[in-house]
C-alpha atoms as a PDB file:
ATOM      1  CA  MET A   1     -21.147  -9.855  -4.327  1.00  0.00           C
ATOM      2  CA  THR A   2     -17.403  -9.238  -4.452  1.00  0.00           C
ATOM      3  CA  LEU A   3     -17.737  -7.117  -7.763  1.00  0.00           C
ATOM      4  CA  PHE A   4     -20.094  -4.869  -6.321  1.00  0.00           C
ATOM      5  CA  SER A   5     -18.521  -4.749  -2.820  1.00  0.00           C
ATOM      6  CA  VAL A   6     -15.399  -3.712  -4.788  1.00  0.00           C
ATOM      7  CA  LEU A   7     -17.090  -0.664  -6.700  1.00  0.00           C
ATOM      8  CA  ALA A   8     -19.238   0.732  -3.794  1.00  0.00           C
ATOM      9  CA  ALA A   9     -16.136   0.557  -1.562  1.00  0.00           C
ATOM     10  CA  LEU A  10     -13.955   2.586  -4.164  1.00  0.00           C
ATOM     11  CA  ILE A  11     -16.722   5.094  -4.990  1.00  0.00           C
ATOM     12  CA  TRP A  12     -17.082   5.553  -1.391  1.00  0.00           C
ATOM     13  CA  ASP A  13     -13.299   6.128  -1.144  1.00  0.00           C
ATOM     14  CA  TYR A  14     -13.392   8.431  -4.337  1.00  0.00           C
ATOM     15  CA  LEU A  15     -16.091  10.780  -3.070  1.00  0.00           C
ATOM     16  CA  GLN A  16     -15.338  10.667   0.589  1.00  0.00           C
ATOM     17  CA  PRO A  17     -11.623   9.901   1.090  1.00  0.00           C
ATOM     18  CA  LEU A  18     -11.160   8.693   4.825  1.00  0.00           C
ATOM     19  CA  ARG A  19      -9.249  10.946   7.064  1.00  0.00           C
ATOM     20  CA  ASP A  20      -5.828   9.520   8.315  1.00  0.00           C
ATOM     21  CA  PRO A  21      -5.899   8.084  10.425  1.00  0.00           C
ATOM     22  CA  SER A  22      -9.557   7.049  10.522  1.00  0.00           C
ATOM     23  CA  ALA A  23     -11.223   6.469  13.812  1.00  0.00           C
ATOM     24  CA  PRO A  24     -11.440   3.050  13.296  1.00  0.00           C
ATOM     25  CA  ALA A  25      -7.527   2.945  12.852  1.00  0.00           C
ATOM     26  CA  ARG A  26      -6.758   5.009  15.683  1.00  0.00           C
ATOM     27  CA  VAL A  27      -8.577   2.306  17.689  1.00  0.00           C
ATOM     28  CA  LEU A  28      -6.696  -0.321  16.206  1.00  0.00           C
ATOM     29  CA  ASN A  29      -3.413   1.279  16.403  1.00  0.00           C
ATOM     30  CA  ARG A  30      -3.832   1.668  20.170  1.00  0.00           C
ATOM     31  CA  TYR A  31      -4.765  -1.810  20.371  1.00  0.00           C
ATOM     32  CA  VAL A  32      -1.841  -2.685  18.434  1.00  0.00           C
ATOM     33  CA  ASP A  33       0.636  -0.635  20.565  1.00  0.00           C
ATOM     34  CA  TRP A  34      -1.127  -1.963  23.900  1.00  0.00           C
ATOM     35  CA  LEU A  35      -0.050  -5.782  22.695  1.00  0.00           C
ATOM     36  CA  LEU A  36       3.199  -4.307  22.339  1.00  0.00           C
ATOM     37  CA  THR A  37       3.468  -3.020  25.424  1.00  0.00           C
ATOM     38  CA  ARG A  38       1.821  -5.817  27.254  1.00  0.00           C
ATOM     39  CA  VAL A  39       3.152  -8.886  25.451  1.00  0.00           C
ATOM     40  CA  ASN A  40       6.645  -8.021  24.155  1.00  0.00           C
ATOM     41  CA  ALA A  41       9.398  -9.959  26.023  1.00  0.00           C
ATOM     42  CA  GLY A  42      11.968  -9.605  23.296  1.00  0.00           C
ATOM     43  CA  MET A  43      11.306 -13.244  21.912  1.00  0.00           C
ATOM     44  CA  GLU A  44       9.863 -13.975  18.570  1.00  0.00           C
ATOM     45  CA  ARG A  45       7.324 -16.477  19.969  1.00  0.00           C
ATOM     46  CA  HIS A  46       5.855 -13.338  21.874  1.00  0.00           C
ATOM     47  CA  GLY A  47       5.403 -11.573  18.651  1.00  0.00           C
ATOM     48  CA  MET A  48       3.814 -14.914  17.310  1.00  0.00           C
ATOM     49  CA  LEU A  49       1.335 -14.426  20.375  1.00  0.00           C
ATOM     50  CA  ALA A  50       0.578 -10.939  19.778  1.00  0.00           C
ATOM     51  CA  TRP A  51      -0.003 -11.263  16.117  1.00  0.00           C
ATOM     52  CA  THR A  52      -2.681 -13.868  16.897  1.00  0.00           C
ATOM     53  CA  ALA A  53      -4.302 -11.414  19.145  1.00  0.00           C
ATOM     54  CA  GLY A  54      -3.864  -8.398  16.980  1.00  0.00           C
ATOM     55  CA  VAL A  55      -4.400  -9.662  13.695  1.00  0.00           C
ATOM     56  CA  LEU A  56      -5.994 -13.372  13.371  1.00  0.00           C
ATOM     57  CA  ALA A  57      -8.515 -12.636  16.435  1.00  0.00           C
ATOM     58  CA  PRO A  58     -10.020  -9.277  14.800  1.00  0.00           C
ATOM     59  CA  ALA A  59     -10.167 -10.919  11.467  1.00  0.00           C
ATOM     60  CA  LEU A  60     -11.915 -13.823  12.498  1.00  0.00           C
ATOM     61  CA  LEU A  61     -14.469 -12.002  14.411  1.00  0.00           C
ATOM     62  CA  VAL A  62     -15.110  -9.463  11.481  1.00  0.00           C
ATOM     63  CA  GLY A  63     -15.483 -12.433   9.012  1.00  0.00           C
ATOM     64  CA  LEU A  64     -17.879 -14.352  11.504  1.00  0.00           C
ATOM     65  CA  ALA A  65     -20.143 -11.030  11.805  1.00  0.00           C
ATOM     66  CA  GLY A  66     -20.389 -10.789   7.974  1.00  0.00           C
ATOM     67  CA  ALA A  67     -21.330 -14.449   7.824  1.00  0.00           C
ATOM     68  CA  LEU A  68     -23.920 -14.181  10.742  1.00  0.00           C
ATOM     69  CA  LEU A  69     -25.543 -10.965   8.782  1.00  0.00           C
ATOM     70  CA  GLY A  70     -25.469 -12.935   5.668  1.00  0.00           C
ATOM     71  CA  GLN A  71     -27.660 -15.610   7.353  1.00  0.00           C
ATOM     72  CA  LEU A  72     -30.077 -12.726   8.428  1.00  0.00           C
ATOM     73  CA  LEU A  73     -29.885 -11.225   4.876  1.00  0.00           C
ATOM     74  CA  GLY A  74     -27.871 -11.131   1.953  1.00  0.00           C
ATOM     75  CA  LEU A  75     -27.977  -7.083   1.508  1.00  0.00           C
ATOM     76  CA  LEU A  76     -26.730  -6.942   5.384  1.00  0.00           C
ATOM     77  CA  GLU A  77     -23.729  -8.805   4.424  1.00  0.00           C
ATOM     78  CA  TRP A  78     -23.156  -6.703   1.281  1.00  0.00           C
ATOM     79  CA  VAL A  79     -23.358  -3.494   3.490  1.00  0.00           C
ATOM     80  CA  TRP A  80     -20.805  -5.167   6.118  1.00  0.00           C
ATOM     81  CA  ASN A  81     -18.324  -5.929   3.253  1.00  0.00           C
ATOM     82  CA  VAL A  82     -18.625  -2.503   1.777  1.00  0.00           C
ATOM     83  CA  ILE A  83     -17.919  -0.900   5.480  1.00  0.00           C
ATOM     84  CA  VAL A  84     -15.056  -2.960   6.160  1.00  0.00           C
ATOM     85  CA  LEU A  85     -13.566  -2.665   2.586  1.00  0.00           C
ATOM     86  CA  TYR A  86     -13.929   1.049   2.733  1.00  0.00           C
ATOM     87  CA  PHE A  87     -12.149   0.833   6.022  1.00  0.00           C
ATOM     88  CA  CYS A  88      -9.340  -1.187   4.883  1.00  0.00           C
ATOM     89  CA  LEU A  89      -8.767   0.972   1.638  1.00  0.00           C
ATOM     90  CA  GLY A  90      -7.877   4.614   1.844  1.00  0.00           C
ATOM     91  CA  PHE A  91      -5.416   5.199  -1.136  1.00  0.00           C
ATOM     92  CA  ARG A  92      -7.564   8.352  -2.291  1.00  0.00           C
ATOM     93  CA  GLN A  93      -6.336  10.595   0.595  1.00  0.00           C
ATOM     94  CA  TYR A  94      -2.934   9.594  -0.449  1.00  0.00           C
ATOM     95  CA  GLY A  95      -3.333  10.693  -3.887  1.00  0.00           C
ATOM     96  CA  PHE A  96      -4.243  14.072  -2.340  1.00  0.00           C
ATOM     97  CA  ALA A  97      -0.814  13.894  -0.539  1.00  0.00           C
ATOM     98  CA  VAL A  98       1.006  13.333  -3.771  1.00  0.00           C
ATOM     99  CA  ALA A  99      -0.698  16.157  -5.388  1.00  0.00           C
ATOM    100  CA  GLU A 100       0.141  18.463  -2.530  1.00  0.00           C
ATOM    101  CA  VAL A 101       4.101  17.304  -3.225  1.00  0.00           C
ATOM    102  CA  ALA A 102       3.773  17.771  -6.725  1.00  0.00           C
ATOM    103  CA  ARG A 103       2.151  21.316  -6.960  1.00  0.00           C
ATOM    104  CA  PRO A 104       4.815  23.401  -5.230  1.00  0.00           C
ATOM    105  CA  LEU A 105       7.374  21.460  -6.990  1.00  0.00           C
ATOM    106  CA  ARG A 106       5.970  22.358 -10.306  1.00  0.00           C
ATOM    107  CA  GLN A 107       5.700  25.899  -9.200  1.00  0.00           C
ATOM    108  CA  GLY A 108       9.500  25.869  -7.780  1.00  0.00           C
ATOM    109  CA  ASP A 109       8.705  26.022  -4.279  1.00  0.00           C
ATOM    110  CA  LEU A 110      11.197  23.348  -3.159  1.00  0.00           C
ATOM    111  CA  ALA A 111      10.750  24.233   0.753  1.00  0.00           C
ATOM    112  CA  ARG A 112       6.800  23.817   0.558  1.00  0.00           C
ATOM    113  CA  ALA A 113       7.400  20.558  -1.676  1.00  0.00           C
ATOM    114  CA  GLN A 114       9.748  18.906   1.139  1.00  0.00           C
ATOM    115  CA  GLY A 115       7.445  20.033   4.030  1.00  0.00           C
ATOM    116  CA  ARG A 116       4.342  18.246   2.357  1.00  0.00           C
ATOM    117  CA  LEU A 117       7.070  15.132   1.940  1.00  0.00           C
ATOM    118  CA  MET A 118       7.851  15.245   5.389  1.00  0.00           C
ATOM    119  CA  THR A 119       4.501  13.382   6.492  1.00  0.00           C
ATOM    120  CA  TRP A 120       6.078  10.534   4.777  1.00  0.00           C
ATOM    121  CA  ARG A 121       9.697  11.150   5.556  1.00  0.00           C
ATOM    122  CA  PRO A 122       9.670  13.087   8.856  1.00  0.00           C
ATOM    123  CA  GLY A 123      12.944  15.174   8.812  1.00  0.00           C
ATOM    124  CA  ALA A 124      14.843  13.624   5.428  1.00  0.00           C
ATOM    125  CA  ALA A 125      12.796  15.628   3.108  1.00  0.00           C
ATOM    126  CA  GLN A 126      14.411  18.657   4.342  1.00  0.00           C
ATOM    127  CA  CYS A 127      17.803  17.444   2.831  1.00  0.00           C
ATOM    128  CA  MET A 128      16.457  16.444  -0.714  1.00  0.00           C
ATOM    129  CA  ASN A 129      16.811  18.402  -3.819  1.00  0.00           C
ATOM    130  CA  GLU A 130      13.700  18.714  -6.121  1.00  0.00           C
ATOM    131  CA  ASN A 131      14.786  15.300  -8.061  1.00  0.00           C
ATOM    132  CA  GLU A 132      14.919  13.427  -4.760  1.00  0.00           C
ATOM    133  CA  VAL A 133      11.777  14.973  -3.493  1.00  0.00           C
ATOM    134  CA  ALA A 134       9.958  13.848  -6.833  1.00  0.00           C
ATOM    135  CA  ARG A 135      11.617  10.427  -6.384  1.00  0.00           C
ATOM    136  CA  SER A 136      10.505   9.927  -3.020  1.00  0.00           C
ATOM    137  CA  GLY A 137       6.979  10.759  -3.376  1.00  0.00           C
ATOM    138  CA  ILE A 138       6.841   8.364  -6.273  1.00  0.00           C
ATOM    139  CA  GLU A 139       8.078   5.308  -4.512  1.00  0.00           C
ATOM    140  CA  GLN A 140       5.940   6.192  -1.331  1.00  0.00           C
ATOM    141  CA  ALA A 141       2.793   6.477  -3.864  1.00  0.00           C
ATOM    142  CA  LEU A 142       3.480   2.723  -5.535  1.00  0.00           C
ATOM    143  CA  LEU A 143       4.109   1.430  -2.168  1.00  0.00           C
ATOM    144  CA  LEU A 144       1.278   2.709  -0.754  1.00  0.00           C
ATOM    145  CA  GLY A 145      -0.755   1.727  -3.584  1.00  0.00           C
ATOM    146  CA  LEU A 146       0.253  -1.941  -2.761  1.00  0.00           C
ATOM    147  CA  THR A 147      -0.688  -1.717   1.224  1.00  0.00           C
ATOM    148  CA  ARG A 148      -3.827   0.381   0.570  1.00  0.00           C
ATOM    149  CA  LEU A 149      -5.335  -0.678  -2.685  1.00  0.00           C
ATOM    150  CA  PHE A 150      -3.950  -3.768  -4.218  1.00  0.00           C
ATOM    151  CA  GLY A 151      -2.855  -6.303  -1.485  1.00  0.00           C
ATOM    152  CA  VAL A 152      -6.576  -5.163   0.076  1.00  0.00           C
ATOM    153  CA  LEU A 153      -8.602  -5.920  -3.181  1.00  0.00           C
ATOM    154  CA  PHE A 154      -6.606  -9.203  -3.840  1.00  0.00           C
ATOM    155  CA  TRP A 155      -7.058 -10.479  -0.350  1.00  0.00           C
ATOM    156  CA  PHE A 156     -10.658  -9.506  -0.179  1.00  0.00           C
ATOM    157  CA  ALA A 157     -11.436 -11.144  -3.644  1.00  0.00           C
ATOM    158  CA  VAL A 158     -10.122 -14.583  -2.133  1.00  0.00           C
ATOM    159  CA  LEU A 159     -10.972 -14.209   1.390  1.00  0.00           C
ATOM    160  CA  GLY A 160     -13.793 -11.713   1.581  1.00  0.00           C
ATOM    161  CA  VAL A 161     -13.897  -9.032   4.497  1.00  0.00           C
ATOM    162  CA  PHE A 162     -11.805 -11.625   6.848  1.00  0.00           C
ATOM    163  CA  GLY A 163      -8.957 -11.113   3.892  1.00  0.00           C
ATOM    164  CA  ALA A 164      -9.112  -7.606   3.564  1.00  0.00           C
ATOM    165  CA  LEU A 165      -8.869  -7.073   7.589  1.00  0.00           C
ATOM    166  CA  PHE A 166      -6.482  -9.784   7.815  1.00  0.00           C
ATOM    167  CA  TYR A 167      -3.838  -7.884   5.243  1.00  0.00           C
ATOM    168  CA  ARG A 168      -4.373  -4.634   6.754  1.00  0.00           C
ATOM    169  CA  LEU A 169      -3.874  -5.404  10.249  1.00  0.00           C
ATOM    170  CA  SER A 170      -0.605  -7.558   9.367  1.00  0.00           C
ATOM    171  CA  GLY A 171       0.720  -4.618   7.767  1.00  0.00           C
ATOM    172  CA  MET A 172      -0.020  -2.121  10.742  1.00  0.00           C
ATOM    173  CA  CYS A 173       1.656  -4.666  12.949  1.00  0.00           C
ATOM    174  CA  ARG A 174       4.641  -4.988  10.956  1.00  0.00           C
ATOM    175  CA  ASP A 175       5.110  -1.390  10.636  1.00  0.00           C
ATOM    176  CA  ARG A 176       4.207  -0.322  14.304  1.00  0.00           C
ATOM    177  CA  TRP A 177       6.588  -2.934  16.096  1.00  0.00           C
ATOM    178  CA  GLN A 178       9.321  -2.694  13.194  1.00  0.00           C
ATOM    179  CA  ALA A 179      11.594  -1.120  16.160  1.00  0.00           C
ATOM    180  CA  GLU A 180      11.627  -4.596  17.990  1.00  0.00           C
ATOM    181  CA  PRO A 181      13.469  -6.639  15.448  1.00  0.00           C
ATOM    182  CA  SER A 182      12.931 -10.310  17.435  1.00  0.00           C
ATOM    183  CA  PHE A 183       9.459  -9.365  18.597  1.00  0.00           C
ATOM    184  CA  CYS A 184       8.402  -8.127  14.805  1.00  0.00           C
ATOM    185  CA  ALA A 185      10.290 -11.081  13.384  1.00  0.00           C
ATOM    186  CA  PHE A 186       7.275 -13.167  12.658  1.00  0.00           C
ATOM    187  CA  PRO A 187       4.826 -10.478  11.616  1.00  0.00           C
ATOM    188  CA  ARG A 188       7.438  -9.070   9.415  1.00  0.00           C
ATOM    189  CA  ARG A 189       7.732 -12.543   7.479  1.00  0.00           C
ATOM    190  CA  PHE A 190       3.909 -13.084   7.482  1.00  0.00           C
ATOM    191  CA  ALA A 191       3.244  -9.783   5.811  1.00  0.00           C
ATOM    192  CA  TYR A 192       6.042 -10.659   3.368  1.00  0.00           C
ATOM    193  CA  TYR A 193       4.116 -13.718   2.188  1.00  0.00           C
ATOM    194  CA  LEU A 194       0.832 -11.754   2.347  1.00  0.00           C
ATOM    195  CA  ASP A 195       2.323  -9.083  -0.171  1.00  0.00           C
ATOM    196  CA  TRP A 196       4.301 -11.860  -2.458  1.00  0.00           C
ATOM    197  CA  LEU A 197       1.710 -12.511  -5.017  1.00  0.00           C
ATOM    198  CA  PRO A 198      -0.384  -9.009  -4.782  1.00  0.00           C
ATOM    199  CA  ALA A 199       2.925  -7.278  -5.463  1.00  0.00           C
ATOM    200  CA  ARG A 200       3.718  -9.460  -8.545  1.00  0.00           C
ATOM    201  CA  LEU A 201       0.049  -8.885  -9.906  1.00  0.00           C
ATOM    202  CA  ALA A 202       0.372  -5.201  -9.430  1.00  0.00           C
ATOM    203  CA  ALA A 203       3.649  -4.990 -11.019  1.00  0.00           C
ATOM    204  CA  PHE A 204       2.356  -7.092 -13.863  1.00  0.00           C
ATOM    205  CA  SER A 205      -0.809  -4.590 -14.102  1.00  0.00           C
ATOM    206  CA  PHE A 206       1.774  -1.475 -14.440  1.00  0.00           C
ATOM    207  CA  ALA A 207       3.196  -3.315 -17.222  1.00  0.00           C
ATOM    208  CA  ILE A 208       0.174  -3.786 -19.048  1.00  0.00           C
ATOM    209  CA  VAL A 209      -1.488  -0.041 -18.488  1.00  0.00           C
ATOM    210  CA  GLY A 210       2.156   1.498 -19.064  1.00  0.00           C
ATOM    211  CA  ASN A 211       5.015   0.919 -21.140  1.00  0.00           C
ATOM    212  CA  PHE A 212       5.168  -2.801 -21.185  1.00  0.00           C
ATOM    213  CA  GLU A 213       8.423  -3.472 -22.437  1.00  0.00           C
ATOM    214  CA  ASP A 214      10.303  -1.450 -19.789  1.00  0.00           C
ATOM    215  CA  ALA A 215       8.419  -2.474 -17.197  1.00  0.00           C
ATOM    216  CA  ILE A 216       9.065  -6.054 -17.585  1.00  0.00           C
ATOM    217  CA  TYR A 217      12.741  -5.301 -18.431  1.00  0.00           C
ATOM    218  CA  CYS A 218      13.116  -3.423 -15.129  1.00  0.00           C
ATOM    219  CA  TRP A 219      11.320  -6.091 -13.259  1.00  0.00           C
ATOM    220  CA  ARG A 220      13.675  -8.745 -14.493  1.00  0.00           C
ATOM    221  CA  ASN A 221      17.039  -7.074 -14.227  1.00  0.00           C
ATOM    222  CA  GLN A 222      16.769  -4.595 -11.591  1.00  0.00           C
ATOM    223  CA  ALA A 223      14.080  -5.723  -8.642  1.00  0.00           C
ATOM    224  CA  GLY A 224      16.758  -8.329  -7.371  1.00  0.00           C
ATOM    225  CA  ALA A 225      19.180  -5.585  -6.215  1.00  0.00           C
ATOM    226  CA  TRP A 226      16.534  -3.918  -4.206  1.00  0.00           C
ATOM    227  CA  GLY A 227      16.805  -4.902  -0.420  1.00  0.00           C
ATOM    228  CA  GLU A 228      13.229  -5.641   0.251  1.00  0.00           C
ATOM    229  CA  ARG A 229      11.989  -7.799  -2.800  1.00  0.00           C
ATOM    230  CA  ASN A 230       8.381  -7.248  -2.819  1.00  0.00           C
ATOM    231  CA  GLU A 231       8.839  -3.542  -3.073  1.00  0.00           C
ATOM    232  CA  GLY A 232      11.992  -4.176  -5.553  1.00  0.00           C
ATOM    233  CA  VAL A 233       9.633  -5.926  -7.837  1.00  0.00           C
ATOM    234  CA  LEU A 234       6.567  -3.110  -7.635  1.00  0.00           C
ATOM    235  CA  LEU A 235       9.206  -0.033  -7.906  1.00  0.00           C
ATOM    236  CA  ALA A 236      11.160  -1.573 -10.616  1.00  0.00           C
ATOM    237  CA  ALA A 237       8.086  -2.386 -12.657  1.00  0.00           C
ATOM    238  CA  GLY A 238       6.084   0.887 -11.429  1.00  0.00           C
ATOM    239  CA  ALA A 239       9.668   2.843 -12.652  1.00  0.00           C
ATOM    240  CA  GLY A 240       9.565   1.000 -16.209  1.00  0.00           C
ATOM    241  CA  ALA A 241       5.958   1.695 -16.855  1.00  0.00           C
ATOM    242  CA  LEU A 242       6.334   5.184 -16.154  1.00  0.00           C
ATOM    243  CA  GLY A 243       9.722   5.765 -17.966  1.00  0.00           C
ATOM    244  CA  VAL A 244      11.528   7.340 -14.700  1.00  0.00           C
ATOM    245  CA  LYS A 245      14.228   6.506 -12.863  1.00  0.00           C
ATOM    246  CA  LEU A 246      13.760   5.789  -9.071  1.00  0.00           C
ATOM    247  CA  GLY A 247      16.148   4.401  -6.449  1.00  0.00           C
ATOM    248  CA  GLY A 248      19.720   5.955  -6.413  1.00  0.00           C
ATOM    249  CA  PRO A 249      21.099   8.167  -3.434  1.00  0.00           C
ATOM    250  CA  LEU A 250      19.106  10.171  -1.394  1.00  0.00           C
ATOM    251  CA  SER A 251      20.460  13.246   0.790  1.00  0.00           C
ATOM    252  CA  LEU A 252      19.622  12.464   4.241  1.00  0.00           C
ATOM    253  CA  PRO A 253      20.429  14.127   7.816  1.00  0.00           C
ATOM    254  CA  GLY A 254      23.108  11.532   8.512  1.00  0.00           C
ATOM    255  CA  GLY A 255      24.576  11.685   5.105  1.00  0.00           C
ATOM    256  CA  GLU A 256      23.873  10.202   1.694  1.00  0.00           C
ATOM    257  CA  LEU A 257      21.935   7.092   1.402  1.00  0.00           C
ATOM    258  CA  LEU A 258      23.018   4.789  -1.260  1.00  0.00           C
ATOM    259  CA  ARG A 259      20.214   2.582  -3.197  1.00  0.00           C
ATOM    260  CA  PRO A 260      20.109   0.791  -6.446  1.00  0.00           C
ATOM    261  CA  GLU A 261      18.871   2.726  -9.101  1.00  0.00           C
ATOM    262  CA  LEU A 262      15.677   1.531 -10.842  1.00  0.00           C
ATOM    263  CA  GLY A 263      13.569   2.279 -13.954  1.00  0.00           C
ATOM    264  CA  CYS A 264      15.015   3.762 -16.808  1.00  0.00           C
ATOM    265  CA  GLY A 265      14.131   7.082 -19.028  1.00  0.00           C
ATOM    266  CA  ASP A 266      13.916  10.429 -17.655  1.00  0.00           C
ATOM    267  CA  LEU A 267      14.743  12.103 -14.000  1.00  0.00           C
ATOM    268  CA  ALA A 268      11.677  12.148 -12.050  1.00  0.00           C
ATOM    269  CA  ASP A 269       9.726  15.609 -11.555  1.00  0.00           C
ATOM    270  CA  ALA A 270       6.432  16.720 -10.521  1.00  0.00           C
ATOM    271  CA  ASP A 271       4.694  15.505 -13.988  1.00  0.00           C
ATOM    272  CA  TYR A 272       5.974  11.874 -12.781  1.00  0.00           C
ATOM    273  CA  LEU A 273       4.514  12.221  -9.624  1.00  0.00           C
ATOM    274  CA  ASP A 274       1.004  12.809 -10.848  1.00  0.00           C
ATOM    275  CA  GLY A 275       1.779   9.963 -13.656  1.00  0.00           C
ATOM    276  CA  ALA A 276       2.517   7.590 -10.808  1.00  0.00           C
ATOM    277  CA  VAL A 277      -0.993   8.120  -9.217  1.00  0.00           C
ATOM    278  CA  SER A 278      -2.510   8.063 -12.512  1.00  0.00           C
ATOM    279  CA  LEU A 279      -0.630   4.784 -13.195  1.00  0.00           C
ATOM    280  CA  ILE A 280      -2.165   3.204 -10.209  1.00  0.00           C
ATOM    281  CA  TRP A 281      -5.871   4.122 -10.735  1.00  0.00           C
ATOM    282  CA  ARG A 282      -5.591   2.646 -14.212  1.00  0.00           C
ATOM    283  CA  ALA A 283      -4.343  -0.391 -12.757  1.00  0.00           C
ATOM    284  CA  VAL A 284      -7.004  -0.740 -10.409  1.00  0.00           C
ATOM    285  CA  MET A 285      -9.593  -0.039 -13.009  1.00  0.00           C
ATOM    286  CA  LEU A 286      -7.938  -3.114 -14.659  1.00  0.00           C
ATOM    287  CA  TRP A 287      -8.173  -5.151 -11.770  1.00  0.00           C
ATOM    288  CA  VAL A 288     -11.821  -4.255 -11.555  1.00  0.00           C
ATOM    289  CA  GLY A 289     -12.346  -5.452 -15.131  1.00  0.00           C
ATOM    290  CA  VAL A 290     -11.020  -8.632 -14.361  1.00  0.00           C
ATOM    291  CA  ILE A 291     -13.393  -9.102 -11.295  1.00  0.00           C
ATOM    292  CA  ALA A 292     -16.081  -8.049 -13.543  1.00  0.00           C
ATOM    293  CA  LEU A 293     -15.145 -10.590 -16.146  1.00  0.00           C
ATOM    294  CA  LEU A 294     -14.941 -13.432 -13.381  1.00  0.00           C
ATOM    295  CA  TRP A 295     -18.543 -12.258 -12.259  1.00  0.00           C
ATOM    296  CA  ILE A 296     -19.905 -12.441 -15.760  1.00  0.00           C
ATOM    297  CA  GLY A 297     -18.507 -15.782 -16.434  1.00  0.00           C
ATOM    298  CA  GLY A 298     -20.071 -17.026 -13.193  1.00  0.00           C
ATOM    299  CA  LEU A 299     -23.485 -16.484 -14.097  1.00  0.00           C
END
């Protein structure tokens, strides 16, 4: 059932990409924000309580609903799995967003490319040159590949719809509560653990479907210099697989942001933006192939 649920959800997402944010995401965003307002008293234990109500409880309810539907009719459980997985994914819409940055860059329209990138980096993109816009776009695409594809698929394969929603809600709470460091400490730490294995499996997948030698080299020698280790692994391997340079300094309104350099090869441009999306989809197809082999082996 896992294989066909994944295939159906990916095809659905490809044919009818989610709007950002989708209706369920807007409801969950309001709920998560309400928890921040009502539960936050500046302590880590309050963040743990809010995380339990905002992540664990909804994921358990969705998993229980799937199990009950399975008791009635296996097809109903499959339909439920596909629906939940579809709303937990949603990378296709970001693929379009990357293309909207790459197109004006290729045409030499830097201002328009900056405007498109501002959906990800509000305000900051206005200070960036062409290379910085391309680098930022590639980095965002690779990170979204983890949170909106690889992480969701991994935890769905391990724990079903409970795992898929659990992962998405964990990331949502981390992102929406990050302005409150103490309150967000536990959600941020737990989200890191959830990302640890999917990030490394995704990085290894990039190596397999891209430049293997450079991806492994950059992973081993550059990832540790990045501030957030999961991101460093993913970005370093992705940069090596693409043969492009990522990281490095960025021009921001408050001055230049110094970052470690990742990858090797050429400077980023519009073609590498498109290549990043292609790399992600090739890696996803690799994952689907592995799931198919496991399914065949279980027959």
